[in-house]
Amino acid sequence: MKKIMSIISMCAFSIAFAQTGINTESPKATLDVTAQKKVLTIDGLLPPRLTLAELTEKGNTLYGMEQDGAIIYITDASGGDKLSQRENIQSKGLYIFDAEEANKEGRWMCLFCYGLA
């Protein structure tokens, strides 16, 4: 019985402190995504893609302190509104949620946006 409990404990311990790797058997960080580097394989990371209208439908309270650092890609900034958390969304591009902005109400901040000078 002790032997079985020891094996279960070791398995649980290794799973609890495991790192996750995609295309690698020895991840070097919490999440390690390694390119396949094959000529006909498309490599890259696709964040969630939303239009400004779709983000507007989510309202102003869904994203909060627990979503600090969330990343999305806005594909179309022509619909929806630019109120509250969305006031900085002016064009399509990559945005990160900064939960501490605007008196901790939070704002989407541009990481890389097209059409902005």
C-alpha atoms as a PDB file:
ATOM      1  CA  MET A   1       0.000   0.000   0.000  1.00  0.00           C
ATOM      2  CA  LYS A   2       2.866   2.377   0.846  1.00  0.00           C
ATOM      3  CA  LYS A   3       4.410   1.703  -2.548  1.00  0.00           C
ATOM      4  CA  ILE A   4       1.195   2.603  -4.377  1.00  0.00           C
ATOM      5  CA  MET A   5       0.800   5.792  -2.333  1.00  0.00           C
ATOM      6  CA  SER A   6       4.417   6.765  -3.090  1.00  0.00           C
ATOM      7  CA  ILE A   7       3.877   6.315  -6.829  1.00  0.00           C
ATOM      8  CA  ILE A   8       0.650   8.335  -6.734  1.00  0.00           C
ATOM      9  CA  SER A   9       2.379  11.094  -4.740  1.00  0.00           C
ATOM     10  CA  MET A  10       5.289  11.283  -7.206  1.00  0.00           C
ATOM     11  CA  CYS A  11       2.914  11.462 -10.173  1.00  0.00           C
ATOM     12  CA  ALA A  12       0.802  14.169  -8.545  1.00  0.00           C
ATOM     13  CA  PHE A  13       3.913  16.173  -7.614  1.00  0.00           C
ATOM     14  CA  SER A  14       5.340  16.025 -11.141  1.00  0.00           C
ATOM     15  CA  ILE A  15       2.014  17.042 -12.697  1.00  0.00           C
ATOM     16  CA  ALA A  16       1.523  19.937 -10.245  1.00  0.00           C
ATOM     17  CA  PHE A  17       4.874  21.490 -11.164  1.00  0.00           C
ATOM     18  CA  ALA A  18       4.947  20.586 -14.855  1.00  0.00           C
ATOM     19  CA  GLN A  19       5.706  22.980 -17.661  1.00  0.00           C
ATOM     20  CA  THR A  20       3.794  22.732 -20.919  1.00  0.00           C
ATOM     21  CA  GLY A  21       5.473  22.414 -24.273  1.00  0.00           C
ATOM     22  CA  ILE A  22       4.078  22.418 -27.794  1.00  0.00           C
ATOM     23  CA  ASN A  23       6.355  20.733 -30.343  1.00  0.00           C
ATOM     24  CA  THR A  24       8.970  20.173 -27.618  1.00  0.00           C
ATOM     25  CA  GLU A  25       9.545  17.506 -25.008  1.00  0.00           C
ATOM     26  CA  SER A  26      11.642  19.769 -22.773  1.00  0.00           C
ATOM     27  CA  PRO A  27       9.841  23.099 -22.261  1.00  0.00           C
ATOM     28  CA  LYS A  28      12.015  25.976 -21.052  1.00  0.00           C
ATOM     29  CA  ALA A  29       9.176  28.107 -19.566  1.00  0.00           C
ATOM     30  CA  THR A  30       5.610  27.808 -18.258  1.00  0.00           C
ATOM     31  CA  LEU A  31       4.445  27.594 -21.875  1.00  0.00           C
ATOM     32  CA  ASP A  32       7.070  26.871 -24.530  1.00  0.00           C
ATOM     33  CA  VAL A  33       5.868  26.845 -28.135  1.00  0.00           C
ATOM     34  CA  THR A  34       8.541  25.626 -30.546  1.00  0.00           C
ATOM     35  CA  ALA A  35       8.229  26.155 -34.308  1.00  0.00           C
ATOM     36  CA  GLN A  36       8.162  23.065 -36.505  1.00  0.00           C
ATOM     37  CA  LYS A  37      10.353  24.808 -39.120  1.00  0.00           C
ATOM     38  CA  LYS A  38       9.016  22.631 -41.946  1.00  0.00           C
ATOM     39  CA  VAL A  39       8.708  24.423 -45.284  1.00  0.00           C
ATOM     40  CA  LEU A  40       4.976  23.775 -45.716  1.00  0.00           C
ATOM     41  CA  THR A  41       4.011  24.261 -42.045  1.00  0.00           C
ATOM     42  CA  ILE A  42       2.546  27.580 -40.940  1.00  0.00           C
ATOM     43  CA  ASP A  43       4.138  28.595 -37.629  1.00  0.00           C
ATOM     44  CA  GLY A  44       2.902  31.363 -35.359  1.00  0.00           C
ATOM     45  CA  LEU A  45       0.628  32.182 -32.472  1.00  0.00           C
ATOM     46  CA  LEU A  46      -2.917  33.433 -33.069  1.00  0.00           C
ATOM     47  CA  PRO A  47      -4.488  35.391 -30.207  1.00  0.00           C
ATOM     48  CA  PRO A  48      -8.270  35.609 -29.925  1.00  0.00           C
ATOM     49  CA  ARG A  49      -9.613  37.712 -32.824  1.00  0.00           C
ATOM     50  CA  LEU A  50     -12.604  40.014 -32.289  1.00  0.00           C
ATOM     51  CA  THR A  51     -14.182  42.983 -34.003  1.00  0.00           C
ATOM     52  CA  LEU A  52     -14.717  46.122 -31.935  1.00  0.00           C
ATOM     53  CA  ALA A  53     -18.463  45.422 -32.200  1.00  0.00           C
ATOM     54  CA  GLU A  54     -17.973  41.959 -30.663  1.00  0.00           C
ATOM     55  CA  LEU A  55     -15.832  43.408 -27.867  1.00  0.00           C
ATOM     56  CA  THR A  56     -18.464  46.113 -27.267  1.00  0.00           C
ATOM     57  CA  GLU A  57     -21.116  43.395 -26.818  1.00  0.00           C
ATOM     58  CA  LYS A  58     -19.071  42.002 -23.913  1.00  0.00           C
ATOM     59  CA  GLY A  59     -19.713  45.221 -21.957  1.00  0.00           C
ATOM     60  CA  ASN A  60     -17.506  47.075 -19.488  1.00  0.00           C
ATOM     61  CA  THR A  61     -17.405  44.674 -16.554  1.00  0.00           C
ATOM     62  CA  LEU A  62     -16.371  41.332 -18.037  1.00  0.00           C
ATOM     63  CA  TYR A  63     -12.656  42.223 -18.061  1.00  0.00           C
ATOM     64  CA  GLY A  64     -11.217  43.149 -14.673  1.00  0.00           C
ATOM     65  CA  MET A  65      -8.168  42.645 -12.426  1.00  0.00           C
ATOM     66  CA  GLU A  66      -8.045  38.892 -13.120  1.00  0.00           C
ATOM     67  CA  GLN A  67      -7.738  39.582 -16.863  1.00  0.00           C
ATOM     68  CA  ASP A  68      -4.829  42.033 -16.463  1.00  0.00           C
ATOM     69  CA  GLY A  69      -2.473  41.269 -19.349  1.00  0.00           C
ATOM     70  CA  ALA A  70      -5.063  39.590 -21.596  1.00  0.00           C
ATOM     71  CA  ILE A  71      -4.196  39.976 -25.286  1.00  0.00           C
ATOM     72  CA  ILE A  72      -6.647  40.171 -28.193  1.00  0.00           C
ATOM     73  CA  TYR A  73      -6.466  41.112 -31.866  1.00  0.00           C
ATOM     74  CA  ILE A  74      -9.076  43.584 -33.139  1.00  0.00           C
ATOM     75  CA  THR A  75      -9.836  42.707 -36.765  1.00  0.00           C
ATOM     76  CA  ASP A  76     -12.227  45.605 -37.489  1.00  0.00           C
ATOM     77  CA  ALA A  77     -12.557  48.818 -35.471  1.00  0.00           C
ATOM     78  CA  SER A  78     -15.406  50.337 -37.490  1.00  0.00           C
ATOM     79  CA  GLY A  79     -18.349  49.002 -35.439  1.00  0.00           C
ATOM     80  CA  GLY A  80     -19.206  49.042 -31.770  1.00  0.00           C
ATOM     81  CA  ASP A  81     -18.268  51.974 -29.556  1.00  0.00           C
ATOM     82  CA  LYS A  82     -15.092  53.441 -28.143  1.00  0.00           C
ATOM     83  CA  LEU A  83     -16.401  54.082 -24.651  1.00  0.00           C
ATOM     84  CA  SER A  84     -14.915  53.158 -21.281  1.00  0.00           C
ATOM     85  CA  GLN A  85     -12.480  50.214 -21.553  1.00  0.00           C
ATOM     86  CA  ARG A  86     -12.446  50.513 -25.364  1.00  0.00           C
ATOM     87  CA  GLU A  87     -11.615  54.240 -25.647  1.00  0.00           C
ATOM     88  CA  ASN A  88      -8.062  53.562 -26.903  1.00  0.00           C
ATOM     89  CA  ILE A  89      -9.123  51.212 -29.712  1.00  0.00           C
ATOM     90  CA  GLN A  90      -8.756  53.298 -32.876  1.00  0.00           C
ATOM     91  CA  SER A  91      -7.744  50.737 -35.508  1.00  0.00           C
ATOM     92  CA  LYS A  92      -7.208  47.048 -36.084  1.00  0.00           C
ATOM     93  CA  GLY A  93      -4.278  45.597 -34.213  1.00  0.00           C
ATOM     94  CA  LEU A  94      -2.973  43.811 -31.148  1.00  0.00           C
ATOM     95  CA  TYR A  95      -4.250  45.072 -27.766  1.00  0.00           C
ATOM     96  CA  ILE A  96      -3.437  44.222 -24.146  1.00  0.00           C
ATOM     97  CA  PHE A  97      -5.783  44.777 -21.201  1.00  0.00           C
ATOM     98  CA  ASP A  98      -4.320  47.015 -18.485  1.00  0.00           C
ATOM     99  CA  ALA A  99      -6.594  46.504 -15.472  1.00  0.00           C
ATOM    100  CA  GLU A 100      -5.015  49.343 -13.473  1.00  0.00           C
ATOM    101  CA  GLU A 101      -5.705  52.076 -16.037  1.00  0.00           C
ATOM    102  CA  ALA A 102      -8.446  54.682 -15.496  1.00  0.00           C
ATOM    103  CA  ASN A 103      -8.814  54.305 -11.729  1.00  0.00           C
ATOM    104  CA  LYS A 104      -8.704  50.509 -11.952  1.00  0.00           C
ATOM    105  CA  GLU A 105     -11.611  50.375 -14.413  1.00  0.00           C
ATOM    106  CA  GLY A 106      -9.173  49.053 -17.005  1.00  0.00           C
ATOM    107  CA  ARG A 107      -8.415  49.954 -20.626  1.00  0.00           C
ATOM    108  CA  TRP A 108      -7.399  48.106 -23.768  1.00  0.00           C
ATOM    109  CA  MET A 109      -3.977  49.459 -24.747  1.00  0.00           C
ATOM    110  CA  CYS A 110      -2.403  49.217 -28.205  1.00  0.00           C
ATOM    111  CA  LEU A 111       0.553  46.855 -28.497  1.00  0.00           C
ATOM    112  CA  PHE A 112       0.799  47.105 -32.281  1.00  0.00           C
ATOM    113  CA  CYS A 113      -1.898  48.908 -34.204  1.00  0.00           C
ATOM    114  CA  TYR A 114      -2.274  49.636 -37.909  1.00  0.00           C
ATOM    115  CA  GLY A 115      -3.100  53.096 -39.216  1.00  0.00           C
ATOM    116  CA  LEU A 116      -1.825  55.021 -36.183  1.00  0.00           C
ATOM    117  CA  ALA A 117       0.991  57.504 -36.534  1.00  0.00           C
END
